[in-house]
Amino acid sequence: MIVMVSMVGTALCAVYYLKERYDYKVRRLPPGPTSIPLIGNALSINPKSPHLSLIKLAETYGDIFSIKLGSERVVVLNNAELIKAAYRGVDISHRPDFFSMDVLAGGKGFLTCKDEQQRQLHMKICRQAMRVVSNASIGEKILQESDRLVDHFANQSGKPFDPQCDLHIASLNIICNFVFGERYERDDPELREILDYSAEISKILSPLHPVNAMPWLRHFPNKWFATLFRARDQRDKILMRKYVEHIATYKEGHVRDMLDGLIAETKDAVKENNARAVDLLTPEHIIINMWLIFFAGSDTLTNTLQWSLLYMAAFPKKQAKAQEELERVISSQGKKLLLENKAQLPYLQAVINEVLRYSSLSLLGIPHAAAQDTEINGYFIPKGTQVMANFWSVHHNPEAWDQPEEFLPERFLNDQGNLLETSKLPSFMPFSVGKRRCMGAQLAKAELFLMLGRLLQEFSFEMPPDVEADLQGEAAVSLIPKPYKIIAKKRLIIQPETI
């Protein structure tokens, strides 16, 4: 019996490896390392730094190669030209079957739906709802939260502290205010619930997490899947309550936040008998879109601000240069920092761009999938194949960037000190590219400009004595800094009201 089982196992493995050779040599799938049945190439990828593992594989197999995550083949793109060529059309515009995101969104949101027409309609609806709020008071909402953050940092009295919690709460409150018109105090139990389920979801959403790489594990008792379902249920309970409250208090013509904007879109679609739009504006669709904006927005802002403060402490000369610009243009003139000041503060904008490039926190972005059988760079990509872009590789490519391992905001300025248009920097793609480019990019830039600007006006950031900044991040959904403590040293600035 043992001999028989051994012979069958050997035969199945032989068939598996012959099929893999056939895929590479005959079907012309992108080349890659030999995989192992059931687990694929999991042993070749360091989950703490998958971007670096993929760069190492690219050295052997080229800028386009493929690996297996579990039983699913994934094509990896490692340079800007390949990514733009793949993502600009509809051929690679679908989303893959991604277990954790299927559980959390079920294909109902703008970020996850696979039908191209539905995606376009989702985007149109959400942009219209966002535009109403953005045009009204988003800058004011960001500055209010920034001022509260300044107060919390000032309360540390120049002693070392971990800024992560303060930054996360500020980021959450901006998005909460934007999406459903509320903010939370630090001791609010609902805030704690949101922080808890968001943290659990963040751990699980990585494409390399066992939940996604080996979804068959759900058939066996394990904590990963129980955590995923529990976090989803917590999220749905809170967001559905917000939806019901807004339905009860909504007044036509008075849009308080994005949720009101989506309710208004629903009522307009019903009036116009627009069945396609109505189908995408059910309560379930609306709370998924709320969550997608809420989750992606707050996490991205939190992580980017964490990197920003760490880099300011690690590179004090760059920090001082940004502060000198703020002092000259804003503080000494008795002005209040506003979004309208962006053009006058090119160095601050260059610092933000360099934070986005240097950290490359989006790492692999959100995976795409082939909408149909297609080709990339002469290689065959079967319909449904997952395609992943290594944005870290793009942002640290020495052929595209001078001294990519150095933190140099000046690379984003011309000889006259003016900000370069990012369209002239083909290897700069912090919000992805193509049809699935981040819808909230402009909101994210506004948040970073105002929040980092206010913090640099008020504080100089330093590492604690005898502590060196650790600039090596840890991979989750995005690349986040390792926990650190920092000193926020109060600066003497001229307040507008004293002029």
Protein backbone atom coordinates (compact mmCIF):
# COMPACT_ATOMS: atom_id res chain seq x y z
CA MET A 1 0.00 0.00 0.00
CA ILE A 2 2.78 2.43 0.94
CA VAL A 3 4.60 1.59 -2.29
CA MET A 4 1.42 2.23 -4.29
CA VAL A 5 0.82 5.59 -2.60
CA SER A 6 4.45 6.53 -3.19
CA MET A 7 4.21 5.61 -6.87
CA VAL A 8 0.98 7.61 -7.31
CA GLY A 9 2.51 10.59 -5.53
CA THR A 10 5.62 10.43 -7.69
CA ALA A 11 3.51 10.24 -10.84
CA LEU A 12 1.38 13.22 -9.83
CA CYS A 13 4.47 15.29 -9.06
CA ALA A 14 5.95 14.33 -12.44
CA VAL A 15 2.75 15.44 -14.19
CA TYR A 16 2.79 18.71 -12.19
CA TYR A 17 6.35 19.55 -13.21
CA LEU A 18 5.78 18.54 -16.84
CA LYS A 19 2.75 20.84 -16.92
CA GLU A 20 4.86 23.68 -15.53
CA ARG A 21 7.55 23.14 -18.19
CA TYR A 22 4.82 23.05 -20.84
CA ASP A 23 3.44 26.38 -19.59
CA TYR A 24 6.84 28.02 -19.87
CA LYS A 25 8.14 26.48 -23.08
CA VAL A 26 5.05 25.86 -25.21
CA ARG A 27 2.35 28.24 -23.98
CA ARG A 28 4.95 31.01 -23.54
CA LEU A 29 3.89 32.07 -20.05
CA PRO A 30 6.44 34.39 -18.41
CA PRO A 31 9.37 32.34 -17.02
CA GLY A 32 9.86 31.72 -13.35
CA PRO A 33 11.23 29.42 -10.66
CA THR A 34 10.07 25.86 -10.25
CA SER A 35 7.18 25.68 -7.80
CA ILE A 36 6.05 23.12 -5.24
CA PRO A 37 2.58 21.52 -5.41
CA LEU A 38 -0.01 23.21 -3.14
CA ILE A 39 2.32 25.92 -1.79
CA GLY A 40 3.76 27.19 -5.08
CA ASN A 41 6.77 29.48 -4.62
CA ALA A 42 5.90 30.52 -1.07
CA LEU A 43 9.34 29.44 0.16
CA SER A 44 11.01 31.82 -2.31
CA ILE A 45 9.22 34.91 -0.96
CA ASN A 46 10.12 36.57 2.33
CA PRO A 47 6.72 37.76 3.69
CA LYS A 48 8.43 40.62 5.57
CA SER A 49 10.04 42.00 2.39
CA PRO A 50 8.28 40.47 -0.65
CA HIS A 51 9.35 43.39 -2.87
CA LEU A 52 13.02 42.54 -2.31
CA SER A 53 12.41 38.83 -2.94
CA LEU A 54 10.74 39.71 -6.25
CA ILE A 55 13.65 41.97 -7.26
CA LYS A 56 16.00 39.05 -6.58
CA LEU A 57 13.90 36.78 -8.80
CA ALA A 58 13.87 39.45 -11.52
CA GLU A 59 17.67 39.32 -11.59
CA THR A 60 17.38 35.70 -12.73
CA TYR A 61 14.17 35.70 -14.81
CA GLY A 62 13.88 39.26 -16.12
CA ASP A 63 11.58 42.24 -15.56
CA ILE A 64 8.52 40.12 -16.36
CA PHE A 65 8.32 36.70 -14.72
CA SER A 66 5.76 34.52 -13.00
CA ILE A 67 5.48 32.70 -9.71
CA LYS A 68 2.85 30.57 -8.06
CA LEU A 69 1.09 31.60 -4.86
CA GLY A 70 -0.51 28.36 -3.75
CA SER A 71 -1.91 26.95 -6.99
CA GLU A 72 -2.49 30.35 -8.65
CA ARG A 73 0.00 31.73 -11.16
CA VAL A 74 0.93 35.39 -10.70
CA VAL A 75 2.75 37.51 -13.27
CA VAL A 76 5.11 40.10 -11.76
CA LEU A 77 6.13 43.31 -13.57
CA ASN A 78 9.28 45.06 -12.41
CA ASN A 79 9.72 48.16 -14.55
CA ALA A 80 7.69 51.26 -15.39
CA GLU A 81 7.34 50.64 -19.12
CA LEU A 82 5.92 47.15 -18.63
CA ILE A 83 3.50 48.32 -15.93
CA LYS A 84 2.19 51.22 -18.01
CA ALA A 85 1.79 49.06 -21.09
CA ALA A 86 -0.10 46.41 -19.11
CA TYR A 87 -2.32 48.73 -17.05
CA ARG A 88 -3.29 51.38 -19.61
CA GLY A 89 -5.93 49.33 -21.44
CA VAL A 90 -8.77 47.00 -20.48
CA ASP A 91 -6.94 43.70 -21.09
CA ILE A 92 -5.37 43.72 -17.59
CA SER A 93 -8.04 45.80 -15.85
CA HIS A 94 -9.95 43.10 -13.95
CA ARG A 95 -9.43 42.07 -10.34
CA PRO A 96 -8.26 38.54 -9.51
CA ASP A 97 -10.10 36.10 -7.30
CA PHE A 98 -8.65 37.26 -4.01
CA PHE A 99 -10.16 35.38 -1.10
CA SER A 100 -9.95 37.99 1.66
CA MET A 101 -11.19 40.80 -0.60
CA ASP A 102 -13.99 38.58 -1.92
CA VAL A 103 -15.11 38.03 1.68
CA LEU A 104 -14.81 41.72 2.54
CA ALA A 105 -16.26 43.27 -0.62
CA GLY A 106 -17.84 40.51 -2.69
CA GLY A 107 -17.11 42.38 -5.92
CA LYS A 108 -19.56 45.13 -4.95
CA GLY A 109 -17.25 48.17 -4.67
CA PHE A 110 -15.45 50.43 -7.13
CA LEU A 111 -12.10 48.91 -6.16
CA THR A 112 -13.04 45.25 -6.50
CA CYS A 113 -15.73 44.84 -9.15
CA LYS A 114 -14.60 42.86 -12.19
CA ASP A 115 -17.08 44.03 -14.82
CA GLU A 116 -15.62 47.01 -16.72
CA GLN A 117 -18.94 48.78 -17.28
CA GLN A 118 -19.87 48.40 -13.63
CA ARG A 119 -16.45 49.67 -12.59
CA GLN A 120 -16.83 52.80 -14.71
CA LEU A 121 -20.29 53.48 -13.27
CA HIS A 122 -19.05 52.87 -9.72
CA MET A 123 -16.23 55.36 -10.31
CA LYS A 124 -18.58 57.95 -11.76
CA ILE A 125 -21.01 57.65 -8.85
CA CYS A 126 -18.29 57.81 -6.19
CA ARG A 127 -16.47 60.71 -7.86
CA GLN A 128 -19.70 62.70 -8.01
CA ALA A 129 -20.36 62.02 -4.34
CA MET A 130 -16.76 62.88 -3.39
CA ARG A 131 -16.69 66.03 -5.49
CA VAL A 132 -19.55 67.62 -3.55
CA VAL A 133 -17.70 67.17 -0.26
CA SER A 134 -14.24 68.03 -1.62
CA ASN A 135 -15.45 71.30 -3.08
CA ALA A 136 -17.11 72.28 0.17
CA SER A 137 -14.86 71.98 3.20
CA ILE A 138 -12.25 69.22 2.95
CA GLY A 139 -9.32 71.60 3.57
CA GLU A 140 -11.01 72.93 6.69
CA LYS A 141 -11.68 69.41 7.98
CA ILE A 142 -8.03 68.43 7.47
CA LEU A 143 -6.70 71.53 9.21
CA GLN A 144 -9.01 71.05 12.19
CA GLU A 145 -7.67 67.54 12.67
CA SER A 146 -4.11 68.76 12.12
CA ASP A 147 -4.50 71.31 14.91
CA ARG A 148 -5.69 68.58 17.29
CA LEU A 149 -2.69 66.49 16.28
CA VAL A 150 -0.40 69.44 17.04
CA ASP A 151 -1.93 69.65 20.54
CA HIS A 152 -1.35 65.94 21.18
CA PHE A 153 2.28 66.20 20.06
CA ALA A 154 2.81 69.31 22.21
CA ASN A 155 1.52 67.38 25.24
CA GLN A 156 4.53 65.04 24.92
CA SER A 157 6.67 67.93 26.24
CA GLY A 158 9.63 67.11 24.04
CA LYS A 159 9.96 63.55 25.34
CA PRO A 160 10.30 60.48 23.05
CA PHE A 161 6.95 58.99 22.04
CA ASP A 162 5.45 56.65 19.45
CA PRO A 163 3.37 58.81 17.02
CA GLN A 164 1.58 55.91 15.33
CA CYS A 165 -1.61 55.96 17.41
CA ASP A 166 -2.00 59.75 17.19
CA LEU A 167 -1.45 59.69 13.43
CA HIS A 168 -3.88 56.82 12.94
CA ILE A 169 -6.63 58.51 14.94
CA ALA A 170 -6.14 61.79 13.06
CA SER A 171 -6.22 59.98 9.72
CA LEU A 172 -9.32 57.99 10.69
CA ASN A 173 -11.10 61.11 11.85
CA ILE A 174 -10.44 62.94 8.57
CA ILE A 175 -11.88 60.05 6.57
CA CYS A 176 -14.77 59.49 9.02
CA ASN A 177 -15.64 63.18 8.76
CA PHE A 178 -15.41 63.03 4.99
CA VAL A 179 -17.39 59.79 4.57
CA PHE A 180 -20.10 60.00 7.25
CA GLY A 181 -19.65 63.37 8.92
CA GLU A 182 -18.34 62.28 12.33
CA ARG A 183 -15.11 62.32 14.28
CA TYR A 184 -14.16 60.42 17.42
CA GLU A 185 -12.52 61.35 20.68
CA ARG A 186 -9.65 59.12 21.69
CA ASP A 187 -11.61 57.27 24.40
CA ASP A 188 -14.66 56.50 22.22
CA PRO A 189 -15.36 52.72 22.33
CA GLU A 190 -16.55 52.76 18.71
CA LEU A 191 -13.21 54.22 17.65
CA ARG A 192 -11.45 51.37 19.42
CA GLU A 193 -13.65 48.88 17.58
CA ILE A 194 -12.81 50.51 14.24
CA LEU A 195 -9.09 50.50 15.04
CA ASP A 196 -9.24 46.84 16.05
CA TYR A 197 -11.03 45.52 12.99
CA SER A 198 -8.97 47.73 10.66
CA ALA A 199 -5.74 46.36 12.14
CA GLU A 200 -6.91 42.77 11.65
CA ILE A 201 -7.97 43.42 8.06
CA SER A 202 -4.61 45.09 7.29
CA LYS A 203 -2.75 41.95 8.29
CA ILE A 204 -4.87 39.72 6.07
CA LEU A 205 -5.07 41.71 2.83
CA SER A 206 -1.54 41.02 1.61
CA PRO A 207 -1.55 38.82 -1.53
CA LEU A 208 1.08 36.68 0.18
CA HIS A 209 -0.96 36.06 3.34
CA PRO A 210 -1.94 32.36 3.71
CA VAL A 211 -5.64 33.35 3.49
CA ASN A 212 -5.05 34.53 -0.08
CA ALA A 213 -2.15 32.38 -1.22
CA MET A 214 -3.71 29.14 0.09
CA PRO A 215 -7.48 29.70 0.48
CA TRP A 216 -8.04 25.94 0.75
CA LEU A 217 -6.84 26.32 4.34
CA ARG A 218 -10.32 27.66 5.18
CA HIS A 219 -11.52 24.05 5.27
CA PHE A 220 -9.31 23.45 8.32
CA PRO A 221 -9.59 25.11 11.75
CA ASN A 222 -7.28 28.11 11.95
CA LYS A 223 -7.27 31.63 13.46
CA TRP A 224 -6.69 33.49 10.16
CA PHE A 225 -10.09 32.80 8.66
CA ALA A 226 -11.95 33.24 11.95
CA THR A 227 -10.30 36.67 12.32
CA LEU A 228 -11.27 37.66 8.76
CA PHE A 229 -14.97 36.87 9.20
CA ARG A 230 -15.11 38.49 12.63
CA ALA A 231 -13.52 41.72 11.31
CA ARG A 232 -15.97 41.82 8.39
CA ASP A 233 -18.96 41.43 10.72
CA GLN A 234 -17.70 44.21 13.02
CA ARG A 235 -17.24 46.53 10.05
CA ASP A 236 -20.68 45.81 8.57
CA LYS A 237 -22.44 46.41 11.90
CA ILE A 238 -20.92 49.88 12.31
CA LEU A 239 -21.27 51.03 8.69
CA MET A 240 -24.82 49.77 8.28
CA ARG A 241 -25.77 51.72 11.40
CA LYS A 242 -24.27 54.87 9.86
CA TYR A 243 -26.23 54.23 6.66
CA VAL A 244 -29.55 53.77 8.49
CA GLU A 245 -28.95 56.94 10.54
CA HIS A 246 -28.20 58.94 7.39
CA ILE A 247 -31.29 57.64 5.60
CA ALA A 248 -33.40 58.80 8.57
CA THR A 249 -31.86 62.30 8.73
CA TYR A 250 -31.14 63.00 5.05
CA LYS A 251 -32.49 66.29 3.68
CA GLU A 252 -32.64 66.76 -0.07
CA GLY A 253 -30.29 69.45 -1.32
CA HIS A 254 -28.20 69.40 1.86
CA VAL A 255 -25.21 67.08 1.45
CA ARG A 256 -23.26 66.76 4.70
CA ASP A 257 -20.73 64.12 3.65
CA MET A 258 -19.97 61.42 1.10
CA LEU A 259 -22.65 59.08 2.44
CA ASP A 260 -25.25 61.80 1.87
CA GLY A 261 -23.77 62.20 -1.62
CA LEU A 262 -24.32 58.49 -2.32
CA ILE A 263 -27.88 58.67 -0.97
CA ALA A 264 -28.51 61.65 -3.27
CA GLU A 265 -27.14 59.65 -6.21
CA THR A 266 -29.52 56.81 -5.29
CA LYS A 267 -32.56 59.09 -5.25
CA ASP A 268 -31.55 60.67 -8.58
CA ALA A 269 -31.10 57.23 -10.16
CA VAL A 270 -34.58 56.18 -8.99
CA LYS A 271 -36.13 59.39 -10.35
CA GLU A 272 -34.41 58.89 -13.70
CA ASN A 273 -35.36 55.21 -13.78
CA ASN A 274 -31.66 54.38 -14.22
CA ALA A 275 -31.76 50.67 -13.40
CA ARG A 276 -28.01 50.14 -13.91
CA ALA A 277 -27.15 52.80 -11.36
CA VAL A 278 -29.84 51.65 -8.90
CA ASP A 279 -28.37 48.14 -8.99
CA LEU A 280 -25.02 49.58 -7.82
CA LEU A 281 -26.54 51.74 -5.08
CA THR A 282 -28.06 49.11 -2.80
CA PRO A 283 -27.26 49.52 0.92
CA GLU A 284 -24.66 46.74 0.59
CA HIS A 285 -22.93 48.45 -2.34
CA ILE A 286 -22.90 51.79 -0.54
CA ILE A 287 -21.38 50.51 2.70
CA ILE A 288 -18.71 48.60 0.73
CA ASN A 289 -17.76 51.77 -1.16
CA MET A 290 -17.74 53.69 2.13
CA TRP A 291 -15.39 51.12 3.63
CA LEU A 292 -13.08 51.02 0.61
CA ILE A 293 -12.55 54.79 0.74
CA PHE A 294 -12.41 54.73 4.54
CA PHE A 295 -9.92 51.88 4.78
CA ALA A 296 -7.64 52.76 1.86
CA GLY A 297 -7.62 56.47 2.73
CA SER A 298 -6.90 56.25 6.44
CA ASP A 299 -4.27 53.52 6.17
CA THR A 300 -2.39 55.25 3.36
CA LEU A 301 -2.37 58.59 5.18
CA THR A 302 -1.29 57.05 8.49
CA ASN A 303 1.58 55.11 6.95
CA THR A 304 2.77 58.00 4.79
CA LEU A 305 2.80 60.38 7.76
CA GLN A 306 4.71 57.82 9.83
CA TRP A 307 7.34 57.60 7.11
CA SER A 308 7.38 61.39 6.75
CA LEU A 309 8.18 62.06 10.40
CA LEU A 310 10.80 59.30 10.47
CA TYR A 311 12.49 60.74 7.37
CA MET A 312 12.39 64.28 8.79
CA ALA A 313 14.23 63.03 11.89
CA ALA A 314 16.64 60.96 9.81
CA PHE A 315 17.40 63.77 7.33
CA PRO A 316 17.40 66.99 9.40
CA LYS A 317 18.83 69.16 6.60
CA LYS A 318 15.85 68.34 4.38
CA GLN A 319 13.50 69.04 7.28
CA ALA A 320 15.15 72.41 7.93
CA LYS A 321 14.84 73.37 4.26
CA ALA A 322 11.10 72.62 4.24
CA GLN A 323 10.68 74.58 7.48
CA GLU A 324 12.58 77.57 6.07
CA GLU A 325 10.20 77.64 3.10
CA LEU A 326 7.14 77.44 5.38
CA GLU A 327 8.55 80.20 7.60
CA ARG A 328 9.29 82.49 4.67
CA VAL A 329 6.03 81.98 2.78
CA ILE A 330 3.47 81.33 5.53
CA SER A 331 4.46 81.92 9.16
CA SER A 332 6.44 85.17 8.79
CA GLN A 333 3.63 86.62 6.68
CA GLY A 334 1.08 85.90 9.36
CA LYS A 335 -0.83 83.57 7.07
CA LYS A 336 -2.65 80.32 7.74
CA LEU A 337 -1.52 77.30 5.74
CA LEU A 338 -4.13 76.54 3.08
CA LEU A 339 -4.38 74.30 0.03
CA GLU A 340 -4.16 77.47 -2.06
CA ASN A 341 -0.53 77.83 -0.90
CA LYS A 342 0.67 74.70 -2.69
CA ALA A 343 2.18 76.56 -5.64
CA GLN A 344 4.15 78.78 -3.24
CA LEU A 345 5.64 75.78 -1.40
CA PRO A 346 7.39 73.67 -4.05
CA TYR A 347 9.96 72.22 -1.66
CA LEU A 348 7.31 70.93 0.73
CA GLN A 349 5.57 69.28 -2.22
CA ALA A 350 8.91 67.83 -3.35
CA VAL A 351 9.44 66.40 0.16
CA ILE A 352 6.03 64.70 -0.02
CA ASN A 353 6.81 63.26 -3.46
CA GLU A 354 10.14 61.96 -2.23
CA VAL A 355 8.48 60.37 0.83
CA LEU A 356 6.10 58.57 -1.55
CA ARG A 357 8.97 57.45 -3.82
CA TYR A 358 11.50 56.56 -1.14
CA SER A 359 9.07 54.58 1.03
CA SER A 360 7.15 53.09 -1.94
CA LEU A 361 4.63 52.10 0.69
CA SER A 362 2.12 50.73 -1.85
CA LEU A 363 4.78 48.08 -2.65
CA LEU A 364 2.85 45.80 -5.05
CA GLY A 365 -0.29 47.89 -5.38
CA ILE A 366 -3.65 46.18 -5.72
CA PRO A 367 -3.34 43.14 -7.99
CA HIS A 368 -4.88 43.22 -11.47
CA ALA A 369 -6.08 40.28 -13.56
CA ALA A 370 -6.34 39.56 -17.26
CA ALA A 371 -9.86 40.30 -18.53
CA GLN A 372 -9.18 38.04 -21.51
CA ASP A 373 -6.37 36.03 -23.05
CA THR A 374 -3.72 38.61 -23.89
CA GLU A 375 0.02 39.26 -24.14
CA ILE A 376 2.55 41.34 -22.24
CA ASN A 377 5.92 41.89 -23.89
CA GLY A 378 5.39 38.83 -26.10
CA TYR A 379 4.40 36.49 -23.26
CA PHE A 380 1.00 34.81 -23.13
CA ILE A 381 -1.24 35.83 -20.21
CA PRO A 382 -4.33 33.59 -19.89
CA LYS A 383 -7.67 35.12 -18.89
CA GLY A 384 -7.99 35.43 -15.10
CA THR A 385 -4.23 35.40 -14.43
CA GLN A 386 -3.21 37.70 -11.60
CA VAL A 387 -0.80 40.49 -12.55
CA MET A 388 1.20 42.33 -9.91
CA ALA A 389 3.38 45.46 -10.24
CA ASN A 390 6.50 45.82 -8.09
CA PHE A 391 6.37 49.57 -7.45
CA TRP A 392 9.33 49.38 -5.10
CA SER A 393 11.46 48.17 -7.99
CA VAL A 394 10.21 51.05 -10.17
CA HIS A 395 10.89 53.70 -7.52
CA HIS A 396 14.38 52.39 -6.76
CA ASN A 397 15.53 51.66 -10.29
CA PRO A 398 19.03 53.21 -10.73
CA GLU A 399 18.38 53.56 -14.47
CA ALA A 400 15.41 55.83 -13.79
CA TRP A 401 16.58 57.70 -10.66
CA ASP A 402 19.91 59.27 -9.76
CA GLN A 403 21.06 57.85 -6.41
CA PRO A 404 17.73 56.09 -5.72
CA GLU A 405 18.82 55.01 -2.24
CA GLU A 406 19.29 58.63 -1.15
CA PHE A 407 16.46 60.82 0.19
CA LEU A 408 16.60 63.75 -2.25
CA PRO A 409 13.48 65.93 -2.56
CA GLU A 410 15.48 68.08 -4.97
CA ARG A 411 15.02 65.45 -7.68
CA PHE A 412 11.42 66.73 -8.02
CA LEU A 413 12.50 70.36 -8.65
CA ASN A 414 13.88 72.01 -11.77
CA ASP A 415 16.90 74.31 -11.87
CA GLN A 416 14.70 77.28 -10.90
CA GLY A 417 13.40 75.47 -7.80
CA ASN A 418 9.95 74.91 -9.27
CA LEU A 419 8.11 71.62 -8.86
CA LEU A 420 8.40 69.28 -11.83
CA GLU A 421 5.18 67.94 -13.30
CA THR A 422 4.88 64.30 -12.29
CA SER A 423 3.74 63.51 -15.85
CA LYS A 424 7.36 64.19 -16.85
CA LEU A 425 8.57 61.56 -14.40
CA PRO A 426 7.52 58.26 -16.01
CA SER A 427 8.89 56.16 -13.16
CA PHE A 428 6.92 57.94 -10.45
CA MET A 429 3.69 56.07 -9.78
CA PRO A 430 2.82 56.16 -6.04
CA PHE A 431 -0.91 55.87 -6.80
CA SER A 432 -0.54 53.25 -9.55
CA VAL A 433 -1.36 54.00 -13.20
CA GLY A 434 -3.99 53.30 -15.82
CA LYS A 435 -7.69 52.66 -15.45
CA ARG A 436 -7.36 51.37 -11.89
CA ARG A 437 -5.29 54.31 -10.65
CA CYS A 438 -6.17 55.41 -7.10
CA MET A 439 -9.37 57.46 -7.17
CA GLY A 440 -8.44 59.31 -3.98
CA ALA A 441 -4.99 60.51 -5.08
CA GLN A 442 -5.90 64.21 -4.98
CA LEU A 443 -7.49 63.90 -1.54
CA ALA A 444 -4.40 62.05 -0.25
CA LYS A 445 -2.08 64.78 -1.58
CA ALA A 446 -4.20 67.47 0.06
CA GLU A 447 -4.10 65.63 3.40
CA LEU A 448 -0.34 65.14 3.27
CA PHE A 449 0.34 68.75 2.27
CA LEU A 450 -1.73 70.27 5.07
CA MET A 451 -0.91 67.80 7.85
CA LEU A 452 2.84 67.54 7.26
CA GLY A 453 3.02 71.29 6.64
CA ARG A 454 1.30 72.08 9.96
CA LEU A 455 3.48 69.65 11.87
CA LEU A 456 6.68 71.07 10.38
CA GLN A 457 5.53 74.59 11.21
CA GLU A 458 5.13 73.68 14.86
CA PHE A 459 7.84 71.06 15.49
CA SER A 460 11.29 69.85 14.55
CA PHE A 461 11.45 66.07 14.68
CA GLU A 462 14.46 64.23 16.11
CA MET A 463 15.36 60.68 17.02
CA PRO A 464 15.93 60.04 20.74
CA PRO A 465 19.56 60.32 21.90
CA ASP A 466 21.77 57.44 20.74
CA VAL A 467 18.97 55.98 18.59
CA GLU A 468 19.48 55.63 14.85
CA ALA A 469 16.48 55.75 12.53
CA ASP A 470 15.60 52.31 11.12
CA LEU A 471 14.42 52.94 7.56
CA GLN A 472 13.71 49.29 6.74
CA GLY A 473 9.96 48.76 6.77
CA GLU A 474 7.73 45.75 7.33
CA ALA A 475 5.34 44.53 4.66
CA ALA A 476 1.61 44.17 5.26
CA VAL A 477 -0.91 45.54 2.76
CA SER A 478 1.66 48.30 2.36
CA LEU A 479 5.19 48.89 3.62
CA ILE A 480 4.98 50.35 7.11
CA PRO A 481 7.77 51.61 9.39
CA LYS A 482 8.88 49.43 12.24
CA PRO A 483 7.64 50.83 15.56
CA TYR A 484 9.74 53.84 16.58
CA LYS A 485 9.82 56.70 19.05
CA ILE A 486 10.49 60.28 18.09
CA ILE A 487 10.94 63.67 19.73
CA ALA A 488 8.71 66.56 18.61
CA LYS A 489 10.66 69.69 19.61
CA LYS A 490 8.47 72.81 19.69
CA ARG A 491 9.47 75.60 17.30
CA LEU A 492 8.94 79.30 17.83
CA ILE A 493 6.66 80.57 15.07
CA ILE A 494 4.65 83.71 14.52
CA GLN A 495 0.94 82.98 14.88
CA PRO A 496 -1.38 84.69 12.35
CA GLU A 497 -3.60 86.20 15.04
CA THR A 498 -0.62 88.08 16.56
CA ILE A 499 0.15 90.03 13.38
